[in-house]
């Protein structure tokens, strides 16, 4: 009976880790699609978010295939920092952050109306949602690990 509980708990942890990896891969492929296929150049804040999302796709892939349920220790900081950058980008896009501290000086604006896909989905909000979902999945895998 105790062994079944332990195996089930390990499977639960792995599922949350796998979900986090799928989200990171989908977000990375989405960023590449928008930049390379759609031709929309990333702004400064988008580049910073990519710097945290792309390693997550690789790190979580290795952790998933090795069943390393302790991956939250090194993946969670990447996800939280990326989420903070995406949150700032979302506030800037919404106009809640003054334009005077806008990090864009060259290239596309971080707050322009072009920061959407299909003309209706704001990229900063999608990025924040992806980082938040990955963070929650990693926290769920950690919570399951401690129980």
Protein backbone atom coordinates (compact mmCIF):
# COMPACT_ATOMS: atom_id res chain seq x y z
CA UNK A 1 0.00 0.00 0.00
CA UNK A 2 2.78 2.44 0.89
CA UNK A 3 4.63 1.63 -2.34
CA UNK A 4 1.56 2.44 -4.45
CA UNK A 5 1.30 5.83 -2.74
CA UNK A 6 4.99 6.57 -3.37
CA UNK A 7 4.81 5.57 -7.05
CA UNK A 8 1.63 7.58 -7.58
CA UNK A 9 3.20 10.64 -5.93
CA UNK A 10 6.25 10.37 -8.19
CA UNK A 11 4.03 10.13 -11.25
CA UNK A 12 2.13 13.22 -10.15
CA UNK A 13 5.37 15.16 -9.78
CA UNK A 14 6.55 14.06 -13.20
CA UNK A 15 3.23 15.07 -14.83
CA UNK A 16 3.53 18.63 -13.48
CA UNK A 17 7.14 18.79 -14.67
CA UNK A 18 6.09 17.50 -18.10
CA UNK A 19 3.29 20.09 -18.29
CA UNK A 20 5.81 22.85 -17.47
CA UNK A 21 8.08 21.57 -20.25
CA UNK A 22 5.23 21.49 -22.80
CA UNK A 23 4.29 25.06 -21.89
CA UNK A 24 7.92 26.23 -22.25
CA UNK A 25 8.26 24.53 -25.65
CA UNK A 26 4.96 26.00 -26.87
CA UNK A 27 5.95 29.49 -25.70
CA UNK A 28 9.42 29.20 -27.28
CA UNK A 29 8.01 27.98 -30.59
CA UNK A 30 5.41 30.75 -30.47
CA UNK A 31 8.11 33.38 -29.97
CA UNK A 32 10.10 31.94 -32.87
CA UNK A 33 6.99 31.81 -35.05
CA UNK A 34 6.16 35.44 -34.35
CA UNK A 35 9.72 36.58 -34.97
CA UNK A 36 10.75 34.38 -37.89
CA UNK A 37 7.51 33.52 -39.74
CA UNK A 38 5.26 36.49 -39.01
CA UNK A 39 8.27 38.80 -39.23
CA UNK A 40 7.50 40.84 -36.14
CA UNK A 41 10.78 41.99 -34.63
CA UNK A 42 11.02 41.46 -30.86
CA UNK A 43 11.34 44.52 -28.63
CA UNK A 44 13.93 44.82 -25.85
CA UNK A 45 11.67 43.32 -23.19
CA UNK A 46 10.72 40.46 -25.52
CA UNK A 47 14.41 39.60 -25.89
CA UNK A 48 14.81 39.55 -22.11
CA UNK A 49 11.81 37.24 -21.77
CA UNK A 50 13.22 34.95 -24.46
CA UNK A 51 16.46 34.77 -22.49
CA UNK A 52 14.51 33.09 -19.69
CA UNK A 53 11.97 31.07 -21.71
CA UNK A 54 14.35 29.34 -24.13
CA UNK A 55 16.57 27.83 -21.39
CA UNK A 56 13.43 26.64 -19.60
CA UNK A 57 12.48 24.58 -22.68
CA UNK A 58 15.88 22.86 -22.62
CA UNK A 59 16.24 22.45 -18.84
CA UNK A 60 12.72 21.10 -18.41
CA UNK A 61 13.18 18.70 -21.35
CA UNK A 62 16.26 17.18 -19.75
CA UNK A 63 14.55 17.05 -16.35
CA UNK A 64 11.41 15.45 -17.81
CA UNK A 65 13.26 12.73 -19.69
CA UNK A 66 15.48 12.00 -16.67
CA UNK A 67 12.45 12.10 -14.31
CA UNK A 68 14.31 14.67 -12.23
CA UNK A 69 11.44 15.91 -10.09
CA UNK A 70 13.85 18.19 -8.21
CA UNK A 71 14.16 20.34 -11.34
CA UNK A 72 11.95 22.97 -9.76
CA UNK A 73 15.03 24.11 -7.79
CA UNK A 74 16.79 25.43 -10.88
CA UNK A 75 13.79 26.00 -13.20
CA UNK A 76 11.64 28.01 -10.79
CA UNK A 77 14.05 31.00 -10.58
CA UNK A 78 14.11 31.22 -14.40
CA UNK A 79 10.30 31.12 -14.55
CA UNK A 80 9.81 33.69 -11.78
CA UNK A 81 12.33 36.16 -13.23
CA UNK A 82 10.75 35.77 -16.68
CA UNK A 83 7.31 36.29 -15.15
CA UNK A 84 8.48 39.51 -13.46
CA UNK A 85 9.86 40.85 -16.75
CA UNK A 86 6.64 39.86 -18.55
CA UNK A 87 4.60 41.50 -15.77
CA UNK A 88 6.55 44.74 -16.18
CA UNK A 89 6.08 44.50 -19.94
CA UNK A 90 2.33 44.00 -19.42
CA UNK A 91 2.13 47.09 -17.21
CA UNK A 92 4.09 49.08 -19.78
CA UNK A 93 1.83 47.83 -22.58
CA UNK A 94 -1.29 48.75 -20.56
CA UNK A 95 0.10 52.26 -19.98
CA UNK A 96 0.35 51.79 -16.21
CA UNK A 97 4.12 52.33 -16.28
CA UNK A 98 5.13 55.84 -17.33
CA UNK A 99 6.70 56.06 -20.76
CA UNK A 100 9.64 57.94 -19.24
CA UNK A 101 11.06 54.68 -17.83
CA UNK A 102 10.32 52.75 -21.00
CA UNK A 103 13.38 50.62 -21.84
CA UNK A 104 12.91 50.98 -25.58
CA UNK A 105 15.27 53.39 -27.25
CA UNK A 106 15.86 51.56 -30.52
CA UNK A 107 13.87 49.08 -32.57
CA UNK A 108 10.21 48.27 -32.02
CA UNK A 109 8.46 49.85 -29.08
CA UNK A 110 7.64 47.64 -26.09
CA UNK A 111 4.27 49.35 -25.71
CA UNK A 112 3.14 49.75 -29.31
CA UNK A 113 -0.11 48.42 -30.70
CA UNK A 114 1.98 46.06 -32.86
CA UNK A 115 2.67 43.96 -29.75
CA UNK A 116 -0.24 41.69 -30.63
CA UNK A 117 -0.65 38.48 -32.56
CA UNK A 118 -3.58 38.09 -34.92
CA UNK A 119 -4.41 41.70 -34.10
CA UNK A 120 -6.07 40.90 -30.79
CA UNK A 121 -3.82 38.92 -28.44
CA UNK A 122 -1.30 41.14 -26.62
CA UNK A 123 2.09 39.41 -26.56
CA UNK A 124 3.10 40.73 -23.11
CA UNK A 125 -0.01 39.18 -21.55
CA UNK A 126 0.52 35.87 -23.36
CA UNK A 127 4.11 35.78 -22.16
CA UNK A 128 3.04 36.53 -18.58
CA UNK A 129 0.41 33.78 -18.75
CA UNK A 130 3.01 31.28 -20.02
CA UNK A 131 5.53 32.12 -17.30
CA UNK A 132 2.79 32.08 -14.63
CA UNK A 133 1.51 28.67 -15.78
CA UNK A 134 5.04 27.25 -15.80
CA UNK A 135 5.63 28.69 -12.32
CA UNK A 136 2.43 27.11 -11.01
CA UNK A 137 3.29 23.74 -12.56
CA UNK A 138 6.75 23.84 -10.98
CA UNK A 139 5.30 24.79 -7.59
CA UNK A 140 2.80 21.93 -7.92
CA UNK A 141 5.65 19.51 -8.66
CA UNK A 142 7.50 20.84 -5.60
CA UNK A 143 4.44 20.57 -3.37
CA UNK A 144 3.87 17.01 -4.48
CA UNK A 145 7.54 16.27 -3.86
CA UNK A 146 7.37 17.40 -0.25
CA UNK A 147 4.22 15.42 0.56
